[in-house]
Amino acid sequence: MRTVRKVRARTAPAPAATVGPPPGRPARLRPFHRLLGDRPRAVPLPATARLAHGAFPHPDFQDAWQLDLRPGMPREPEAWQDMLGRAGFRVLGRTEHEILLGEDARHLDFRASIHLADGHVTLGTVVRIHRRAGRLYFTVVRRVHPFVVRTVLRRFHRRLALAAPGAGERPRARG
């Protein structure tokens, strides 16, 4: 009889200082994260969102959805701009705490405001309707709009929360 000897391959241990990315969420836990995760809440358009309030003198529709910012998440609107910038919307205005994106069409004009203040991110929408075709179009869109806006805000919030540095990586506040 012949015995076979197993040889272990020696590997160098990983350096202790490197930290890998967080593990992915198991598929069986995703429904619980969706149910128990942060949910955007409907709020009035913040008074400090001056670009959104000044977009149209008499808007036909406006709404806003808000989420709390977690520690380590970016507090600059430029980091959140990609949320709506990927859809091809133009940047129409910018302040220290707000970015206004939007488009103009024959039937309606809309503006989307990303406003960061007081530990919250607020995604607001302001719409001005031009003609009968715009009213018909917005009657349909108005039903789906809250769902779409909440989903976009929630997904981008989750993406930035996972990319935020952990407590050990953030600079310590000096008092």
N, C-alpha and C. Protein backbone atom coordinates (compact mmCIF):
# COMPACT_ATOMS: atom_id res chain seq x y z
N MET A 1 0.82 -1.18 0.00
CA MET A 1 0.00 0.00 0.00
C MET A 1 0.86 1.24 0.00
N ARG A 2 0.38 2.15 -0.71
CA ARG A 2 1.12 3.40 -0.85
C ARG A 2 0.44 4.51 -0.04
N THR A 3 1.18 5.24 0.72
CA THR A 3 0.60 6.35 1.49
C THR A 3 0.89 7.66 0.77
N VAL A 4 -0.09 8.47 0.75
CA VAL A 4 0.04 9.77 0.11
C VAL A 4 0.17 10.82 1.21
N ARG A 5 1.18 11.61 1.08
CA ARG A 5 1.44 12.65 2.05
C ARG A 5 0.90 13.99 1.56
N LYS A 6 0.12 14.65 2.37
CA LYS A 6 -0.43 15.95 1.99
C LYS A 6 0.54 17.03 2.39
N VAL A 7 0.76 17.93 1.50
CA VAL A 7 1.67 19.05 1.76
C VAL A 7 0.84 20.32 1.87
N ARG A 8 1.03 21.03 2.97
CA ARG A 8 0.32 22.29 3.15
C ARG A 8 1.09 23.41 2.48
N ALA A 9 0.36 24.23 1.78
CA ALA A 9 1.00 25.39 1.17
C ALA A 9 1.09 26.48 2.23
N ARG A 10 2.23 27.06 2.33
CA ARG A 10 2.42 28.13 3.31
C ARG A 10 2.06 29.46 2.67
N THR A 11 1.24 30.19 3.37
CA THR A 11 0.86 31.52 2.89
C THR A 11 1.27 32.54 3.92
N ALA A 12 1.63 33.67 3.44
CA ALA A 12 2.03 34.75 4.34
C ALA A 12 0.77 35.34 4.98
N PRO A 13 0.83 35.59 6.28
CA PRO A 13 -0.34 36.18 6.92
C PRO A 13 -0.59 37.59 6.39
N ALA A 14 -1.87 37.96 6.34
CA ALA A 14 -2.24 39.29 5.88
C ALA A 14 -1.78 40.32 6.91
N PRO A 15 -1.37 41.50 6.45
CA PRO A 15 -0.96 42.54 7.41
C PRO A 15 -2.14 42.92 8.30
N ALA A 16 -1.87 43.15 9.55
CA ALA A 16 -2.92 43.44 10.52
C ALA A 16 -3.52 44.83 10.33
N ALA A 17 -2.81 45.75 9.69
CA ALA A 17 -3.27 47.13 9.57
C ALA A 17 -4.32 47.31 8.47
N THR A 18 -4.42 46.39 7.53
CA THR A 18 -5.37 46.57 6.43
C THR A 18 -6.75 46.08 6.85
N VAL A 19 -7.75 46.81 6.45
CA VAL A 19 -9.13 46.46 6.73
C VAL A 19 -9.83 46.33 5.40
N GLY A 20 -10.47 45.21 5.18
CA GLY A 20 -11.16 44.97 3.92
C GLY A 20 -12.53 45.60 3.92
N PRO A 21 -13.20 45.52 2.79
CA PRO A 21 -14.55 46.08 2.71
C PRO A 21 -15.50 45.28 3.59
N PRO A 22 -16.61 45.88 4.01
CA PRO A 22 -17.56 45.15 4.84
C PRO A 22 -18.15 43.99 4.05
N PRO A 23 -18.48 42.90 4.72
CA PRO A 23 -19.05 41.76 4.00
C PRO A 23 -20.41 42.13 3.43
N GLY A 24 -20.78 41.50 2.33
CA GLY A 24 -22.08 41.76 1.72
C GLY A 24 -23.20 41.20 2.57
N ARG A 25 -24.37 41.68 2.35
CA ARG A 25 -25.51 41.20 3.11
C ARG A 25 -26.00 39.90 2.51
N PRO A 26 -26.25 38.90 3.34
CA PRO A 26 -26.80 37.66 2.80
C PRO A 26 -28.18 37.91 2.19
N ALA A 27 -28.48 37.17 1.15
CA ALA A 27 -29.75 37.37 0.44
C ALA A 27 -30.95 37.16 1.35
N ARG A 28 -30.84 36.25 2.30
CA ARG A 28 -32.00 35.97 3.17
C ARG A 28 -32.28 37.11 4.15
N LEU A 29 -31.31 38.01 4.36
CA LEU A 29 -31.51 39.13 5.28
C LEU A 29 -31.95 40.41 4.61
N ARG A 30 -31.86 40.47 3.29
CA ARG A 30 -32.21 41.70 2.58
C ARG A 30 -33.64 42.17 2.83
N PRO A 31 -34.64 41.27 2.86
CA PRO A 31 -36.00 41.76 3.15
C PRO A 31 -36.11 42.41 4.53
N PHE A 32 -35.38 41.90 5.52
CA PHE A 32 -35.42 42.51 6.85
C PHE A 32 -34.77 43.88 6.85
N HIS A 33 -33.68 44.04 6.10
CA HIS A 33 -33.05 45.36 6.01
C HIS A 33 -33.97 46.36 5.33
N ARG A 34 -34.72 45.89 4.34
CA ARG A 34 -35.68 46.79 3.68
C ARG A 34 -36.80 47.19 4.62
N LEU A 35 -37.26 46.23 5.42
CA LEU A 35 -38.35 46.53 6.35
C LEU A 35 -37.90 47.40 7.52
N LEU A 36 -36.69 47.13 8.02
CA LEU A 36 -36.23 47.81 9.23
C LEU A 36 -35.30 48.98 8.96
N GLY A 37 -34.94 49.21 7.70
CA GLY A 37 -34.01 50.29 7.37
C GLY A 37 -34.64 51.66 7.50
N ASP A 38 -33.82 52.67 7.29
CA ASP A 38 -34.31 54.05 7.36
C ASP A 38 -35.37 54.29 6.30
N ARG A 39 -36.43 54.98 6.68
CA ARG A 39 -37.51 55.29 5.75
C ARG A 39 -37.65 56.81 5.62
N PRO A 40 -37.66 57.30 4.39
CA PRO A 40 -37.88 58.75 4.22
C PRO A 40 -39.26 59.15 4.73
N ARG A 41 -39.32 60.32 5.32
CA ARG A 41 -40.60 60.82 5.81
C ARG A 41 -40.96 62.11 5.06
N ALA A 42 -42.25 62.28 4.85
CA ALA A 42 -42.73 63.48 4.16
C ALA A 42 -42.63 64.67 5.10
N VAL A 43 -42.07 65.74 4.59
CA VAL A 43 -41.91 66.98 5.36
C VAL A 43 -42.25 68.14 4.44
N PRO A 44 -42.57 69.29 5.00
CA PRO A 44 -42.71 70.47 4.15
C PRO A 44 -41.33 70.87 3.60
N LEU A 45 -41.31 71.50 2.47
CA LEU A 45 -40.05 71.96 1.89
C LEU A 45 -39.40 72.92 2.88
N PRO A 46 -38.14 72.64 3.30
CA PRO A 46 -37.52 73.49 4.33
C PRO A 46 -37.45 74.95 3.92
N ALA A 47 -37.65 75.82 4.88
CA ALA A 47 -37.60 77.26 4.60
C ALA A 47 -36.19 77.68 4.17
N THR A 48 -35.17 76.93 4.60
CA THR A 48 -33.79 77.27 4.24
C THR A 48 -33.42 76.79 2.84
N ALA A 49 -34.31 76.07 2.17
CA ALA A 49 -34.07 75.63 0.79
C ALA A 49 -34.48 76.77 -0.14
N ARG A 50 -33.69 77.81 -0.17
CA ARG A 50 -34.05 79.03 -0.90
C ARG A 50 -34.09 78.83 -2.40
N LEU A 51 -33.22 77.99 -2.94
CA LEU A 51 -33.23 77.76 -4.39
C LEU A 51 -34.54 77.10 -4.82
N ALA A 52 -35.01 76.14 -4.05
CA ALA A 52 -36.26 75.46 -4.39
C ALA A 52 -37.45 76.40 -4.27
N HIS A 53 -37.46 77.21 -3.22
CA HIS A 53 -38.58 78.14 -3.04
C HIS A 53 -38.57 79.24 -4.10
N GLY A 54 -37.40 79.61 -4.59
CA GLY A 54 -37.33 80.67 -5.59
C GLY A 54 -37.38 80.16 -7.02
N ALA A 55 -37.55 78.86 -7.21
CA ALA A 55 -37.55 78.29 -8.57
C ALA A 55 -38.73 78.81 -9.39
N PHE A 56 -39.92 78.80 -8.82
CA PHE A 56 -41.12 79.26 -9.51
C PHE A 56 -41.91 80.15 -8.56
N PRO A 57 -42.48 81.25 -9.06
CA PRO A 57 -43.24 82.12 -8.16
C PRO A 57 -44.50 81.43 -7.61
N HIS A 58 -45.20 80.65 -8.43
CA HIS A 58 -46.41 79.96 -7.99
C HIS A 58 -46.37 78.52 -8.49
N PRO A 59 -45.74 77.61 -7.74
CA PRO A 59 -45.65 76.22 -8.21
C PRO A 59 -47.00 75.52 -8.15
N ASP A 60 -47.21 74.58 -9.07
CA ASP A 60 -48.43 73.79 -9.09
C ASP A 60 -48.33 72.58 -8.16
N PHE A 61 -47.12 72.16 -7.85
CA PHE A 61 -46.92 71.01 -6.98
C PHE A 61 -45.57 71.16 -6.29
N GLN A 62 -45.51 70.77 -5.03
CA GLN A 62 -44.23 70.69 -4.34
C GLN A 62 -44.34 69.66 -3.22
N ASP A 63 -43.26 68.92 -3.01
CA ASP A 63 -43.18 67.98 -1.91
C ASP A 63 -41.73 67.83 -1.50
N ALA A 64 -41.52 67.19 -0.35
CA ALA A 64 -40.16 66.96 0.14
C ALA A 64 -40.15 65.71 0.99
N TRP A 65 -39.05 64.97 0.90
CA TRP A 65 -38.82 63.75 1.68
C TRP A 65 -37.49 63.89 2.38
N GLN A 66 -37.42 63.42 3.62
CA GLN A 66 -36.24 63.67 4.44
C GLN A 66 -35.76 62.40 5.15
N LEU A 67 -34.43 62.29 5.27
CA LEU A 67 -33.78 61.22 6.03
C LEU A 67 -32.72 61.84 6.93
N ASP A 68 -32.47 61.19 8.07
CA ASP A 68 -31.41 61.64 8.97
C ASP A 68 -30.06 61.20 8.41
N LEU A 69 -29.05 62.05 8.60
CA LEU A 69 -27.69 61.69 8.19
C LEU A 69 -27.04 60.91 9.32
N ARG A 70 -26.36 59.87 8.96
CA ARG A 70 -25.63 59.06 9.95
C ARG A 70 -24.23 59.63 10.14
N PRO A 71 -23.57 59.29 11.24
CA PRO A 71 -22.21 59.78 11.45
C PRO A 71 -21.27 59.34 10.32
N GLY A 72 -20.44 60.26 9.88
CA GLY A 72 -19.48 59.97 8.83
C GLY A 72 -20.01 60.20 7.42
N MET A 73 -21.32 60.41 7.27
CA MET A 73 -21.87 60.64 5.94
C MET A 73 -21.53 62.05 5.49
N PRO A 74 -21.37 62.27 4.18
CA PRO A 74 -21.01 63.60 3.69
C PRO A 74 -22.10 64.63 3.98
N ARG A 75 -21.66 65.81 4.35
CA ARG A 75 -22.57 66.92 4.65
C ARG A 75 -22.57 67.96 3.54
N GLU A 76 -21.89 67.69 2.42
CA GLU A 76 -21.83 68.62 1.29
C GLU A 76 -22.80 68.14 0.21
N PRO A 77 -23.56 69.05 -0.38
CA PRO A 77 -24.52 68.64 -1.41
C PRO A 77 -23.87 68.04 -2.65
N GLU A 78 -22.61 68.39 -2.92
CA GLU A 78 -21.94 67.85 -4.11
C GLU A 78 -21.82 66.33 -4.05
N ALA A 79 -21.65 65.77 -2.85
CA ALA A 79 -21.55 64.32 -2.71
C ALA A 79 -22.88 63.65 -3.02
N TRP A 80 -23.98 64.35 -2.84
CA TRP A 80 -25.31 63.80 -3.08
C TRP A 80 -25.82 64.10 -4.48
N GLN A 81 -25.14 64.96 -5.20
CA GLN A 81 -25.59 65.39 -6.52
C GLN A 81 -25.73 64.22 -7.49
N ASP A 82 -24.88 63.23 -7.34
CA ASP A 82 -24.90 62.07 -8.24
C ASP A 82 -26.24 61.33 -8.18
N MET A 83 -26.99 61.53 -7.08
CA MET A 83 -28.29 60.88 -6.92
C MET A 83 -29.20 61.21 -8.10
N LEU A 84 -29.22 62.46 -8.52
CA LEU A 84 -30.07 62.88 -9.62
C LEU A 84 -29.29 63.23 -10.87
N GLY A 85 -27.99 63.48 -10.72
CA GLY A 85 -27.17 63.84 -11.86
C GLY A 85 -27.04 62.72 -12.88
N ARG A 86 -27.12 61.47 -12.41
CA ARG A 86 -27.03 60.34 -13.33
C ARG A 86 -28.22 60.28 -14.28
N ALA A 87 -29.33 60.84 -13.88
CA ALA A 87 -30.51 60.83 -14.73
C ALA A 87 -30.42 61.88 -15.83
N GLY A 88 -29.37 62.67 -15.84
CA GLY A 88 -29.17 63.65 -16.89
C GLY A 88 -29.76 65.02 -16.59
N PHE A 89 -30.13 65.27 -15.36
CA PHE A 89 -30.69 66.56 -15.01
C PHE A 89 -29.58 67.60 -14.86
N ARG A 90 -29.84 68.80 -15.35
CA ARG A 90 -28.86 69.87 -15.29
C ARG A 90 -28.83 70.50 -13.91
N VAL A 91 -27.65 70.95 -13.51
CA VAL A 91 -27.51 71.71 -12.27
C VAL A 91 -27.87 73.15 -12.59
N LEU A 92 -28.90 73.67 -11.92
CA LEU A 92 -29.39 75.02 -12.19
C LEU A 92 -28.94 76.03 -11.14
N GLY A 93 -28.57 75.55 -9.98
CA GLY A 93 -28.14 76.46 -8.92
C GLY A 93 -27.43 75.69 -7.83
N ARG A 94 -26.64 76.44 -7.05
CA ARG A 94 -25.85 75.80 -6.01
C ARG A 94 -25.59 76.80 -4.90
N THR A 95 -25.81 76.38 -3.67
CA THR A 95 -25.40 77.15 -2.50
C THR A 95 -24.59 76.23 -1.60
N GLU A 96 -24.26 76.73 -0.42
CA GLU A 96 -23.44 75.94 0.51
C GLU A 96 -24.16 74.67 0.97
N HIS A 97 -25.49 74.73 1.12
CA HIS A 97 -26.25 73.60 1.65
C HIS A 97 -27.26 73.01 0.67
N GLU A 98 -27.30 73.49 -0.56
CA GLU A 98 -28.35 73.04 -1.48
C GLU A 98 -27.86 73.03 -2.92
N ILE A 99 -28.36 72.05 -3.67
CA ILE A 99 -28.13 71.99 -5.12
C ILE A 99 -29.50 71.87 -5.76
N LEU A 100 -29.73 72.65 -6.82
CA LEU A 100 -30.99 72.62 -7.55
C LEU A 100 -30.74 72.06 -8.93
N LEU A 101 -31.44 70.97 -9.26
CA LEU A 101 -31.35 70.35 -10.57
C LEU A 101 -32.73 70.45 -11.22
N GLY A 102 -32.78 70.34 -12.53
CA GLY A 102 -34.08 70.40 -13.17
C GLY A 102 -34.04 70.36 -14.67
N GLU A 103 -35.22 70.36 -15.24
CA GLU A 103 -35.42 70.36 -16.69
C GLU A 103 -36.67 71.16 -17.01
N ASP A 104 -36.66 71.72 -18.21
CA ASP A 104 -37.83 72.43 -18.72
C ASP A 104 -38.32 71.69 -19.96
N ALA A 105 -39.62 71.51 -20.05
CA ALA A 105 -40.23 70.86 -21.22
C ALA A 105 -41.42 71.72 -21.65
N ARG A 106 -42.01 71.35 -22.78
CA ARG A 106 -43.14 72.14 -23.27
C ARG A 106 -44.34 72.04 -22.34
N HIS A 107 -44.52 70.87 -21.73
CA HIS A 107 -45.73 70.66 -20.93
C HIS A 107 -45.55 70.98 -19.45
N LEU A 108 -44.30 70.87 -18.92
CA LEU A 108 -44.07 71.24 -17.52
C LEU A 108 -42.59 71.48 -17.26
N ASP A 109 -42.31 72.21 -16.20
CA ASP A 109 -40.95 72.44 -15.72
C ASP A 109 -40.87 71.86 -14.32
N PHE A 110 -39.75 71.23 -14.00
CA PHE A 110 -39.61 70.73 -12.64
C PHE A 110 -38.22 71.05 -12.11
N ARG A 111 -38.13 71.13 -10.80
CA ARG A 111 -36.88 71.36 -10.10
C ARG A 111 -36.80 70.36 -8.96
N ALA A 112 -35.62 69.80 -8.78
CA ALA A 112 -35.36 68.89 -7.66
C ALA A 112 -34.27 69.51 -6.81
N SER A 113 -34.51 69.60 -5.54
CA SER A 113 -33.57 70.24 -4.61
C SER A 113 -33.01 69.19 -3.66
N ILE A 114 -31.69 69.16 -3.55
CA ILE A 114 -31.03 68.32 -2.55
C ILE A 114 -30.50 69.28 -1.49
N HIS A 115 -31.08 69.21 -0.31
CA HIS A 115 -30.79 70.17 0.75
C HIS A 115 -30.26 69.43 1.97
N LEU A 116 -29.09 69.86 2.47
CA LEU A 116 -28.49 69.24 3.66
C LEU A 116 -28.34 70.28 4.75
N ALA A 117 -29.02 70.07 5.86
CA ALA A 117 -28.92 70.98 7.01
C ALA A 117 -29.46 70.28 8.24
N ASP A 118 -28.95 70.66 9.40
CA ASP A 118 -29.43 70.17 10.69
C ASP A 118 -29.41 68.65 10.81
N GLY A 119 -28.43 68.00 10.17
CA GLY A 119 -28.31 66.55 10.28
C GLY A 119 -29.31 65.78 9.44
N HIS A 120 -29.89 66.43 8.44
CA HIS A 120 -30.88 65.77 7.56
C HIS A 120 -30.52 66.02 6.11
N VAL A 121 -30.91 65.09 5.25
CA VAL A 121 -30.87 65.31 3.81
C VAL A 121 -32.33 65.33 3.34
N THR A 122 -32.67 66.36 2.56
CA THR A 122 -34.03 66.53 2.09
C THR A 122 -34.02 66.59 0.57
N LEU A 123 -34.84 65.78 -0.04
CA LEU A 123 -35.01 65.79 -1.49
C LEU A 123 -36.39 66.39 -1.77
N GLY A 124 -36.38 67.60 -2.32
CA GLY A 124 -37.63 68.31 -2.59
C GLY A 124 -37.88 68.43 -4.08
N THR A 125 -39.15 68.49 -4.46
CA THR A 125 -39.54 68.62 -5.85
C THR A 125 -40.52 69.77 -5.99
N VAL A 126 -40.31 70.59 -7.02
CA VAL A 126 -41.19 71.71 -7.31
C VAL A 126 -41.54 71.62 -8.80
N VAL A 127 -42.84 71.71 -9.13
CA VAL A 127 -43.29 71.53 -10.51
C VAL A 127 -44.19 72.70 -10.91
N ARG A 128 -44.01 73.15 -12.15
CA ARG A 128 -44.90 74.15 -12.75
C ARG A 128 -45.44 73.54 -14.04
N ILE A 129 -46.76 73.47 -14.16
CA ILE A 129 -47.42 72.85 -15.32
C ILE A 129 -47.82 73.94 -16.31
N HIS A 130 -47.58 73.67 -17.61
CA HIS A 130 -47.85 74.68 -18.63
C HIS A 130 -49.19 74.52 -19.34
N ARG A 131 -49.49 73.34 -19.81
CA ARG A 131 -50.65 73.17 -20.68
C ARG A 131 -51.50 72.00 -20.21
N ARG A 132 -52.56 71.76 -20.95
CA ARG A 132 -53.45 70.64 -20.65
C ARG A 132 -52.70 69.31 -20.73
N ALA A 133 -51.79 69.19 -21.68
CA ALA A 133 -50.99 67.97 -21.79
C ALA A 133 -50.14 67.76 -20.54
N GLY A 134 -49.65 68.83 -19.96
CA GLY A 134 -48.88 68.74 -18.73
C GLY A 134 -49.72 68.27 -17.55
N ARG A 135 -50.97 68.76 -17.50
CA ARG A 135 -51.87 68.32 -16.43
C ARG A 135 -52.19 66.85 -16.55
N LEU A 136 -52.43 66.40 -17.76
CA LEU A 136 -52.71 64.98 -18.00
C LEU A 136 -51.49 64.12 -17.63
N TYR A 137 -50.33 64.54 -18.08
CA TYR A 137 -49.08 63.82 -17.79
C TYR A 137 -48.82 63.77 -16.29
N PHE A 138 -48.99 64.90 -15.61
CA PHE A 138 -48.68 64.94 -14.19
C PHE A 138 -49.72 64.21 -13.36
N THR A 139 -50.94 64.06 -13.85
CA THR A 139 -51.95 63.28 -13.15
C THR A 139 -51.48 61.84 -12.99
N VAL A 140 -50.84 61.31 -14.01
CA VAL A 140 -50.31 59.95 -13.95
C VAL A 140 -49.03 59.91 -13.10
N VAL A 141 -48.13 60.84 -13.35
CA VAL A 141 -46.83 60.86 -12.66
C VAL A 141 -47.02 61.09 -11.16
N ARG A 142 -48.00 61.87 -10.80
CA ARG A 142 -48.21 62.21 -9.39
C ARG A 142 -48.48 60.98 -8.53
N ARG A 143 -49.07 59.95 -9.13
CA ARG A 143 -49.35 58.71 -8.39
C ARG A 143 -48.07 57.92 -8.08
N VAL A 144 -47.12 57.97 -9.00
CA VAL A 144 -45.90 57.18 -8.89
C VAL A 144 -44.77 57.98 -8.24
N HIS A 145 -44.85 59.29 -8.32
CA HIS A 145 -43.77 60.17 -7.86
C HIS A 145 -43.30 59.90 -6.43
N PRO A 146 -44.17 59.81 -5.43
CA PRO A 146 -43.68 59.58 -4.06
C PRO A 146 -42.89 58.28 -3.93
N PHE A 147 -43.35 57.23 -4.56
CA PHE A 147 -42.65 55.95 -4.49
C PHE A 147 -41.26 56.05 -5.10
N VAL A 148 -41.16 56.69 -6.26
CA VAL A 148 -39.87 56.82 -6.95
C VAL A 148 -38.90 57.68 -6.14
N VAL A 149 -39.37 58.80 -5.63
CA VAL A 149 -38.50 59.71 -4.88
C VAL A 149 -38.01 59.04 -3.60
N ARG A 150 -38.91 58.38 -2.87
CA ARG A 150 -38.49 57.68 -1.65
C ARG A 150 -37.47 56.60 -1.95
N THR A 151 -37.69 55.85 -3.03
CA THR A 151 -36.76 54.78 -3.38
C THR A 151 -35.39 55.32 -3.76
N VAL A 152 -35.35 56.38 -4.56
CA VAL A 152 -34.07 56.98 -4.96
C VAL A 152 -33.33 57.51 -3.74
N LEU A 153 -34.02 58.23 -2.88
CA LEU A 153 -33.39 58.80 -1.69
C LEU A 153 -32.89 57.70 -0.75
N ARG A 154 -33.69 56.69 -0.55
CA ARG A 154 -33.31 55.60 0.36
C ARG A 154 -32.11 54.82 -0.16
N ARG A 155 -32.10 54.50 -1.44
CA ARG A 155 -30.99 53.75 -2.02
C ARG A 155 -29.69 54.54 -1.96
N PHE A 156 -29.75 55.82 -2.31
CA PHE A 156 -28.52 56.62 -2.31
C PHE A 156 -28.05 56.85 -0.88
N HIS A 157 -28.98 57.04 0.06
CA HIS A 157 -28.63 57.19 1.47
C HIS A 157 -27.92 55.93 1.95
N ARG A 158 -28.44 54.77 1.60
CA ARG A 158 -27.82 53.51 2.01
C ARG A 158 -26.43 53.35 1.41
N ARG A 159 -26.30 53.72 0.13
CA ARG A 159 -25.00 53.62 -0.54
C ARG A 159 -23.96 54.52 0.13
N LEU A 160 -24.33 55.75 0.45
CA LEU A 160 -23.38 56.65 1.11
C LEU A 160 -23.13 56.25 2.56
N ALA A 161 -24.12 55.66 3.22
CA ALA A 161 -23.92 55.21 4.60
C ALA A 161 -22.93 54.05 4.64
N LEU A 162 -23.01 53.14 3.68
CA LEU A 162 -22.07 52.02 3.64
C LEU A 162 -20.67 52.46 3.23
N ALA A 163 -20.57 53.54 2.46
CA ALA A 163 -19.27 54.04 2.03
C ALA A 163 -18.63 54.96 3.07
N ALA A 164 -19.42 55.39 4.06
CA ALA A 164 -18.90 56.30 5.08
C ALA A 164 -17.85 55.60 5.93
N PRO A 165 -16.84 56.33 6.38
CA PRO A 165 -15.82 55.70 7.23
C PRO A 165 -16.42 55.26 8.55
N GLY A 166 -15.88 54.17 9.08
CA GLY A 166 -16.33 53.66 10.36
C GLY A 166 -15.87 54.55 11.49
N ALA A 167 -16.33 54.25 12.69
CA ALA A 167 -15.99 55.08 13.86
C ALA A 167 -14.49 55.11 14.10
N GLY A 168 -13.78 54.01 13.84
CA GLY A 168 -12.34 53.99 14.05
C GLY A 168 -11.56 54.74 13.00
N GLU A 169 -12.19 54.98 11.84
CA GLU A 169 -11.51 55.66 10.73
C GLU A 169 -11.76 57.16 10.72
N ARG A 170 -12.82 57.61 11.40
CA ARG A 170 -13.15 59.05 11.42
C ARG A 170 -12.20 59.79 12.35
N PRO A 171 -11.87 61.04 12.00
CA PRO A 171 -11.03 61.82 12.93
C PRO A 171 -11.79 62.08 14.22
N ARG A 172 -11.07 62.02 15.30
CA ARG A 172 -11.68 62.22 16.61
C ARG A 172 -11.95 63.70 16.84
N ALA A 173 -13.13 64.00 17.35
CA ALA A 173 -13.48 65.39 17.65
C ALA A 173 -12.69 65.84 18.87
N ARG A 174 -12.06 66.95 18.76
CA ARG A 174 -11.24 67.48 19.86
C ARG A 174 -12.05 68.52 20.61
N GLY A 175 -12.10 68.39 21.86
CA GLY A 175 -12.90 69.30 22.67
C GLY A 175 -12.10 70.22 23.40
